[in-house]
Amino acid sequence: MSREIHVRFCERLEGRFLRATRLVVLVHGTQAQAEAERDALTIALKDGMGLTLAPEKTRITDPQDGFLFLGHRV
């Protein structure tokens, strides 16, 4: 099985296609590994799709402490 994530988007003819604007990445490892993954993701999004991460909204946290995502406590 491939380790890549495949996402399919559908668009109606009368609607506008909205880009995905929210992303959660879970890294099993150290703080340094999570920072390296964030940096790699930043480069991949910029080079591959012309997207940027908003520094004020991007953070690394321990998921065991929980976090808010789209108004829900995860």
PDB file of N, CA and C in Angstrom:
ATOM      1  N   MET A   1       0.855  -1.181   0.000  1.00  0.00           N
ATOM      2  CA  MET A   1       0.000   0.000   0.000  1.00  0.00           C
ATOM      3  C   MET A   1       0.895   1.237   0.000  1.00  0.00           C
ATOM      4  N   SER A   2       0.517   2.207  -0.754  1.00  0.00           N
ATOM      5  CA  SER A   2       1.278   3.453  -0.839  1.00  0.00           C
ATOM      6  C   SER A   2       1.126   4.264   0.432  1.00  0.00           C
ATOM      7  N   ARG A   3       2.192   4.973   0.818  1.00  0.00           N
ATOM      8  CA  ARG A   3       2.133   5.827   2.007  1.00  0.00           C
ATOM      9  C   ARG A   3       1.619   7.215   1.665  1.00  0.00           C
ATOM     10  N   GLU A   4       1.365   7.464   0.400  1.00  0.00           N
ATOM     11  CA  GLU A   4       0.864   8.774  -0.005  1.00  0.00           C
ATOM     12  C   GLU A   4      -0.621   8.886   0.319  1.00  0.00           C
ATOM     13  N   ILE A   5      -1.045  10.101   0.586  1.00  0.00           N
ATOM     14  CA  ILE A   5      -2.453  10.363   0.868  1.00  0.00           C
ATOM     15  C   ILE A   5      -3.102  10.868  -0.411  1.00  0.00           C
ATOM     16  N   HIS A   6      -4.177  10.246  -0.788  1.00  0.00           N
ATOM     17  CA  HIS A   6      -4.880  10.657  -1.989  1.00  0.00           C
ATOM     18  C   HIS A   6      -6.201  11.312  -1.602  1.00  0.00           C
ATOM     19  N   VAL A   7      -6.461  12.462  -2.159  1.00  0.00           N
ATOM     20  CA  VAL A   7      -7.674  13.205  -1.854  1.00  0.00           C
ATOM     21  C   VAL A   7      -8.368  13.523  -3.164  1.00  0.00           C
ATOM     22  N   ARG A   8      -9.660  13.319  -3.194  1.00  0.00           N
ATOM     23  CA  ARG A   8     -10.432  13.635  -4.390  1.00  0.00           C
ATOM     24  C   ARG A   8     -11.369  14.787  -4.065  1.00  0.00           C
ATOM     25  N   PHE A   9     -11.338  15.814  -4.903  1.00  0.00           N
ATOM     26  CA  PHE A   9     -12.223  16.961  -4.748  1.00  0.00           C
ATOM     27  C   PHE A   9     -13.234  16.944  -5.893  1.00  0.00           C
ATOM     28  N   CYS A  10     -14.462  17.285  -5.587  1.00  0.00           N
ATOM     29  CA  CYS A  10     -15.505  17.370  -6.599  1.00  0.00           C
ATOM     30  C   CYS A  10     -16.015  18.802  -6.657  1.00  0.00           C
ATOM     31  N   GLU A  11     -16.342  19.235  -7.852  1.00  0.00           N
ATOM     32  CA  GLU A  11     -16.806  20.604  -8.030  1.00  0.00           C
ATOM     33  C   GLU A  11     -18.082  20.580  -8.877  1.00  0.00           C
ATOM     34  N   ARG A  12     -19.076  21.294  -8.397  1.00  0.00           N
ATOM     35  CA  ARG A  12     -20.298  21.440  -9.195  1.00  0.00           C
ATOM     36  C   ARG A  12     -20.062  22.480 -10.271  1.00  0.00           C
ATOM     37  N   LEU A  13     -20.794  22.396 -11.338  1.00  0.00           N
ATOM     38  CA  LEU A  13     -20.620  23.340 -12.440  1.00  0.00           C
ATOM     39  C   LEU A  13     -20.955  24.759 -12.021  1.00  0.00           C
ATOM     40  N   GLU A  14     -21.972  24.925 -11.159  1.00  0.00           N
ATOM     41  CA  GLU A  14     -22.388  26.268 -10.782  1.00  0.00           C
ATOM     42  C   GLU A  14     -21.615  26.810  -9.572  1.00  0.00           C
ATOM     43  N   GLY A  15     -20.797  25.997  -8.938  1.00  0.00           N
ATOM     44  CA  GLY A  15     -20.099  26.441  -7.728  1.00  0.00           C
ATOM     45  C   GLY A  15     -18.635  26.763  -7.983  1.00  0.00           C
ATOM     46  N   ARG A  16     -18.080  27.511  -7.048  1.00  0.00           N
ATOM     47  CA  ARG A  16     -16.649  27.808  -7.105  1.00  0.00           C
ATOM     48  C   ARG A  16     -15.895  26.772  -6.301  1.00  0.00           C
ATOM     49  N   PHE A  17     -14.749  26.411  -6.765  1.00  0.00           N
ATOM     50  CA  PHE A  17     -13.917  25.451  -6.050  1.00  0.00           C
ATOM     51  C   PHE A  17     -13.138  26.164  -4.964  1.00  0.00           C
ATOM     52  N   LEU A  18     -13.352  25.784  -3.718  1.00  0.00           N
ATOM     53  CA  LEU A  18     -12.640  26.388  -2.596  1.00  0.00           C
ATOM     54  C   LEU A  18     -11.430  25.530  -2.264  1.00  0.00           C
ATOM     55  N   ARG A  19     -10.291  26.184  -2.125  1.00  0.00           N
ATOM     56  CA  ARG A  19      -9.076  25.448  -1.792  1.00  0.00           C
ATOM     57  C   ARG A  19      -9.133  24.963  -0.349  1.00  0.00           C
ATOM     58  N   ALA A  20      -8.467  23.861  -0.106  1.00  0.00           N
ATOM     59  CA  ALA A  20      -8.331  23.382   1.262  1.00  0.00           C
ATOM     60  C   ALA A  20      -7.477  24.380   2.028  1.00  0.00           C
ATOM     61  N   THR A  21      -7.944  24.814   3.186  1.00  0.00           N
ATOM     62  CA  THR A  21      -7.219  25.841   3.918  1.00  0.00           C
ATOM     63  C   THR A  21      -6.834  25.397   5.323  1.00  0.00           C
ATOM     64  N   ARG A  22      -7.221  24.209   5.708  1.00  0.00           N
ATOM     65  CA  ARG A  22      -6.908  23.735   7.049  1.00  0.00           C
ATOM     66  C   ARG A  22      -6.269  22.361   6.960  1.00  0.00           C
ATOM     67  N   LEU A  23      -5.222  22.186   7.758  1.00  0.00           N
ATOM     68  CA  LEU A  23      -4.453  20.955   7.663  1.00  0.00           C
ATOM     69  C   LEU A  23      -3.931  20.589   9.043  1.00  0.00           C
ATOM     70  N   VAL A  24      -4.057  19.331   9.406  1.00  0.00           N
ATOM     71  CA  VAL A  24      -3.483  18.820  10.644  1.00  0.00           C
ATOM     72  C   VAL A  24      -2.524  17.701  10.251  1.00  0.00           C
ATOM     73  N   VAL A  25      -1.299  17.781  10.735  1.00  0.00           N
ATOM     74  CA  VAL A  25      -0.297  16.753  10.490  1.00  0.00           C
ATOM     75  C   VAL A  25       0.145  16.224  11.847  1.00  0.00           C
ATOM     76  N   LEU A  26       0.039  14.926  12.031  1.00  0.00           N
ATOM     77  CA  LEU A  26       0.474  14.308  13.277  1.00  0.00           C
ATOM     78  C   LEU A  26       1.801  13.604  13.030  1.00  0.00           C
ATOM     79  N   VAL A  27       2.783  13.907  13.860  1.00  0.00           N
ATOM     80  CA  VAL A  27       4.117  13.327  13.734  1.00  0.00           C
ATOM     81  C   VAL A  27       4.409  12.553  15.009  1.00  0.00           C
ATOM     82  N   HIS A  28       4.736  11.293  14.861  1.00  0.00           N
ATOM     83  CA  HIS A  28       5.131  10.478  16.005  1.00  0.00           C
ATOM     84  C   HIS A  28       6.642  10.593  16.132  1.00  0.00           C
ATOM     85  N   GLY A  29       7.087  11.424  17.067  1.00  0.00           N
ATOM     86  CA  GLY A  29       8.522  11.630  17.223  1.00  0.00           C
ATOM     87  C   GLY A  29       8.817  12.792  18.147  1.00  0.00           C
ATOM     88  N   THR A  30       9.986  13.356  17.978  1.00  0.00           N
ATOM     89  CA  THR A  30      10.440  14.438  18.844  1.00  0.00           C
ATOM     90  C   THR A  30      10.013  15.797  18.297  1.00  0.00           C
ATOM     91  N   GLN A  31      10.232  16.814  19.105  1.00  0.00           N
ATOM     92  CA  GLN A  31       9.956  18.193  18.683  1.00  0.00           C
ATOM     93  C   GLN A  31      10.782  18.541  17.445  1.00  0.00           C
ATOM     94  N   ALA A  32      12.038  18.124  17.423  1.00  0.00           N
ATOM     95  CA  ALA A  32      12.919  18.409  16.280  1.00  0.00           C
ATOM     96  C   ALA A  32      12.403  17.735  15.011  1.00  0.00           C
ATOM     97  N   GLN A  33      11.895  16.512  15.135  1.00  0.00           N
ATOM     98  CA  GLN A  33      11.333  15.815  13.972  1.00  0.00           C
ATOM     99  C   GLN A  33      10.073  16.518  13.465  1.00  0.00           C
ATOM    100  N   ALA A  34       9.251  16.991  14.391  1.00  0.00           N
ATOM    101  CA  ALA A  34       8.040  17.713  13.998  1.00  0.00           C
ATOM    102  C   ALA A  34       8.400  19.016  13.282  1.00  0.00           C
ATOM    103  N   GLU A  35       9.424  19.711  13.770  1.00  0.00           N
ATOM    104  CA  GLU A  35       9.864  20.945  13.112  1.00  0.00           C
ATOM    105  C   GLU A  35      10.427  20.658  11.728  1.00  0.00           C
ATOM    106  N   ALA A  36      11.160  19.560  11.576  1.00  0.00           N
ATOM    107  CA  ALA A  36      11.700  19.178  10.265  1.00  0.00           C
ATOM    108  C   ALA A  36      10.567  18.843   9.299  1.00  0.00           C
ATOM    109  N   GLU A  37       9.536  18.156   9.788  1.00  0.00           N
ATOM    110  CA  GLU A  37       8.378  17.839   8.934  1.00  0.00           C
ATOM    111  C   GLU A  37       7.642  19.108   8.514  1.00  0.00           C
ATOM    112  N   ARG A  38       7.491  20.049   9.456  1.00  0.00           N
ATOM    113  CA  ARG A  38       6.847  21.326   9.122  1.00  0.00           C
ATOM    114  C   ARG A  38       7.631  22.054   8.038  1.00  0.00           C
ATOM    115  N   ASP A  39       8.955  22.085   8.168  1.00  0.00           N
ATOM    116  CA  ASP A  39       9.789  22.759   7.170  1.00  0.00           C
ATOM    117  C   ASP A  39       9.683  22.086   5.806  1.00  0.00           C
ATOM    118  N   ALA A  40       9.670  20.741   5.796  1.00  0.00           N
ATOM    119  CA  ALA A  40       9.535  20.005   4.537  1.00  0.00           C
ATOM    120  C   ALA A  40       8.163  20.254   3.909  1.00  0.00           C
ATOM    121  N   LEU A  41       7.128  20.297   4.732  1.00  0.00           N
ATOM    122  CA  LEU A  41       5.778  20.566   4.237  1.00  0.00           C
ATOM    123  C   LEU A  41       5.681  21.975   3.665  1.00  0.00           C
ATOM    124  N   THR A  42       6.316  22.935   4.334  1.00  0.00           N
ATOM    125  CA  THR A  42       6.315  24.316   3.852  1.00  0.00           C
ATOM    126  C   THR A  42       6.903  24.389   2.449  1.00  0.00           C
ATOM    127  N   ILE A  43       8.019  23.715   2.242  1.00  0.00           N
ATOM    128  CA  ILE A  43       8.680  23.726   0.930  1.00  0.00           C
ATOM    129  C   ILE A  43       7.821  23.011  -0.108  1.00  0.00           C
ATOM    130  N   ALA A  44       7.265  21.851   0.258  1.00  0.00           N
ATOM    131  CA  ALA A  44       6.450  21.084  -0.683  1.00  0.00           C
ATOM    132  C   ALA A  44       5.207  21.855  -1.119  1.00  0.00           C
ATOM    133  N   LEU A  45       4.543  22.507  -0.180  1.00  0.00           N
ATOM    134  CA  LEU A  45       3.341  23.271  -0.522  1.00  0.00           C
ATOM    135  C   LEU A  45       3.678  24.469  -1.406  1.00  0.00           C
ATOM    136  N   LYS A  46       4.785  25.126  -1.106  1.00  0.00           N
ATOM    137  CA  LYS A  46       5.161  26.300  -1.882  1.00  0.00           C
ATOM    138  C   LYS A  46       5.582  25.913  -3.296  1.00  0.00           C
ATOM    139  N   ASP A  47       6.475  24.935  -3.404  1.00  0.00           N
ATOM    140  CA  ASP A  47       6.986  24.538  -4.718  1.00  0.00           C
ATOM    141  C   ASP A  47       5.946  23.792  -5.541  1.00  0.00           C
ATOM    142  N   GLY A  48       5.179  22.935  -4.898  1.00  0.00           N
ATOM    143  CA  GLY A  48       4.229  22.101  -5.630  1.00  0.00           C
ATOM    144  C   GLY A  48       2.923  22.777  -5.974  1.00  0.00           C
ATOM    145  N   MET A  49       2.443  23.667  -5.099  1.00  0.00           N
ATOM    146  CA  MET A  49       1.116  24.238  -5.305  1.00  0.00           C
ATOM    147  C   MET A  49       1.059  25.745  -5.172  1.00  0.00           C
ATOM    148  N   GLY A  50       2.165  26.375  -4.814  1.00  0.00           N
ATOM    149  CA  GLY A  50       2.164  27.823  -4.643  1.00  0.00           C
ATOM    150  C   GLY A  50       1.438  28.275  -3.393  1.00  0.00           C
ATOM    151  N   LEU A  51       1.340  27.396  -2.395  1.00  0.00           N
ATOM    152  CA  LEU A  51       0.648  27.722  -1.151  1.00  0.00           C
ATOM    153  C   LEU A  51       1.664  28.029  -0.057  1.00  0.00           C
ATOM    154  N   THR A  52       1.240  28.786   0.942  1.00  0.00           N
ATOM    155  CA  THR A  52       2.108  29.090   2.071  1.00  0.00           C
ATOM    156  C   THR A  52       1.381  28.801   3.377  1.00  0.00           C
ATOM    157  N   LEU A  53       2.147  28.438   4.383  1.00  0.00           N
ATOM    158  CA  LEU A  53       1.587  28.262   5.722  1.00  0.00           C
ATOM    159  C   LEU A  53       1.586  29.617   6.413  1.00  0.00           C
ATOM    160  N   ALA A  54       0.511  29.919   7.117  1.00  0.00           N
ATOM    161  CA  ALA A  54       0.430  31.171   7.876  1.00  0.00           C
ATOM    162  C   ALA A  54       1.147  30.970   9.201  1.00  0.00           C
ATOM    163  N   PRO A  55       2.264  31.683   9.433  1.00  0.00           N
ATOM    164  CA  PRO A  55       3.028  31.484  10.667  1.00  0.00           C
ATOM    165  C   PRO A  55       2.216  31.724  11.941  1.00  0.00           C
ATOM    166  N   GLU A  56       1.280  32.654  11.899  1.00  0.00           N
ATOM    167  CA  GLU A  56       0.486  32.933  13.099  1.00  0.00           C
ATOM    168  C   GLU A  56      -0.536  31.835  13.390  1.00  0.00           C
ATOM    169  N   LYS A  57      -0.814  30.985  12.418  1.00  0.00           N
ATOM    170  CA  LYS A  57      -1.774  29.900  12.614  1.00  0.00           C
ATOM    171  C   LYS A  57      -1.105  28.524  12.675  1.00  0.00           C
ATOM    172  N   THR A  58       0.165  28.479  12.393  1.00  0.00           N
ATOM    173  CA  THR A  58       0.898  27.217  12.356  1.00  0.00           C
ATOM    174  C   THR A  58       1.596  27.009  13.689  1.00  0.00           C
ATOM    175  N   ARG A  59       1.355  25.840  14.294  1.00  0.00           N
ATOM    176  CA  ARG A  59       2.003  25.583  15.569  1.00  0.00           C
ATOM    177  C   ARG A  59       2.236  24.093  15.741  1.00  0.00           C
ATOM    178  N   ILE A  60       3.180  23.802  16.607  1.00  0.00           N
ATOM    179  CA  ILE A  60       3.492  22.422  16.966  1.00  0.00           C
ATOM    180  C   ILE A  60       3.087  22.248  18.420  1.00  0.00           C
ATOM    181  N   THR A  61       2.295  21.222  18.668  1.00  0.00           N
ATOM    182  CA  THR A  61       1.802  20.979  20.020  1.00  0.00           C
ATOM    183  C   THR A  61       1.770  19.484  20.289  1.00  0.00           C
ATOM    184  N   ASP A  62       1.677  19.116  21.519  1.00  0.00           N
ATOM    185  CA  ASP A  62       1.566  17.710  21.891  1.00  0.00           C
ATOM    186  C   ASP A  62       0.101  17.298  21.751  1.00  0.00           C
ATOM    187  N   PRO A  63      -0.202  16.339  20.882  1.00  0.00           N
ATOM    188  CA  PRO A  63      -1.604  15.964  20.682  1.00  0.00           C
ATOM    189  C   PRO A  63      -2.249  15.342  21.925  1.00  0.00           C
ATOM    190  N   GLN A  64      -1.453  14.852  22.852  1.00  0.00           N
ATOM    191  CA  GLN A  64      -2.038  14.303  24.081  1.00  0.00           C
ATOM    192  C   GLN A  64      -2.681  15.400  24.920  1.00  0.00           C
ATOM    193  N   ASP A  65      -2.211  16.638  24.745  1.00  0.00           N
ATOM    194  CA  ASP A  65      -2.815  17.776  25.437  1.00  0.00           C
ATOM    195  C   ASP A  65      -4.107  18.203  24.762  1.00  0.00           C
ATOM    196  N   GLY A  66      -4.335  17.737  23.549  1.00  0.00           N
ATOM    197  CA  GLY A  66      -5.511  18.117  22.777  1.00  0.00           C
ATOM    198  C   GLY A  66      -5.313  19.462  22.110  1.00  0.00           C
ATOM    199  N   PHE A  67      -6.147  19.753  21.124  1.00  0.00           N
ATOM    200  CA  PHE A  67      -6.084  21.019  20.405  1.00  0.00           C
ATOM    201  C   PHE A  67      -7.432  21.301  19.767  1.00  0.00           C
ATOM    202  N   LEU A  68      -7.668  22.560  19.455  1.00  0.00           N
ATOM    203  CA  LEU A  68      -8.895  22.960  18.778  1.00  0.00           C
ATOM    204  C   LEU A  68      -8.686  22.895  17.278  1.00  0.00           C
ATOM    205  N   PHE A  69      -9.612  22.272  16.574  1.00  0.00           N
ATOM    206  CA  PHE A  69      -9.572  22.212  15.122  1.00  0.00           C
ATOM    207  C   PHE A  69     -10.987  22.418  14.601  1.00  0.00           C
ATOM    208  N   LEU A  70     -11.177  23.503  13.878  1.00  0.00           N
ATOM    209  CA  LEU A  70     -12.499  23.842  13.323  1.00  0.00           C
ATOM    210  C   LEU A  70     -13.557  23.899  14.414  1.00  0.00           C
ATOM    211  N   GLY A  71     -13.186  24.418  15.577  1.00  0.00           N
ATOM    212  CA  GLY A  71     -14.131  24.584  16.666  1.00  0.00           C
ATOM    213  C   GLY A  71     -14.375  23.348  17.501  1.00  0.00           C
ATOM    214  N   HIS A  72     -13.678  22.278  17.215  1.00  0.00           N
ATOM    215  CA  HIS A  72     -13.862  21.030  17.960  1.00  0.00           C
ATOM    216  C   HIS A  72     -12.584  20.700  18.730  1.00  0.00           C
ATOM    217  N   ARG A  73     -12.749  20.188  19.928  1.00  0.00           N
ATOM    218  CA  ARG A  73     -11.615  19.780  20.737  1.00  0.00           C
ATOM    219  C   ARG A  73     -11.216  18.370  20.307  1.00  0.00           C
ATOM    220  N   VAL A  74      -9.992  18.234  19.853  1.00  0.00           N
ATOM    221  CA  VAL A  74      -9.485  16.935  19.374  1.00  0.00           C
ATOM    222  C   VAL A  74      -8.555  16.376  20.423  1.00  0.00           C
TER     223      VAL A  74
END
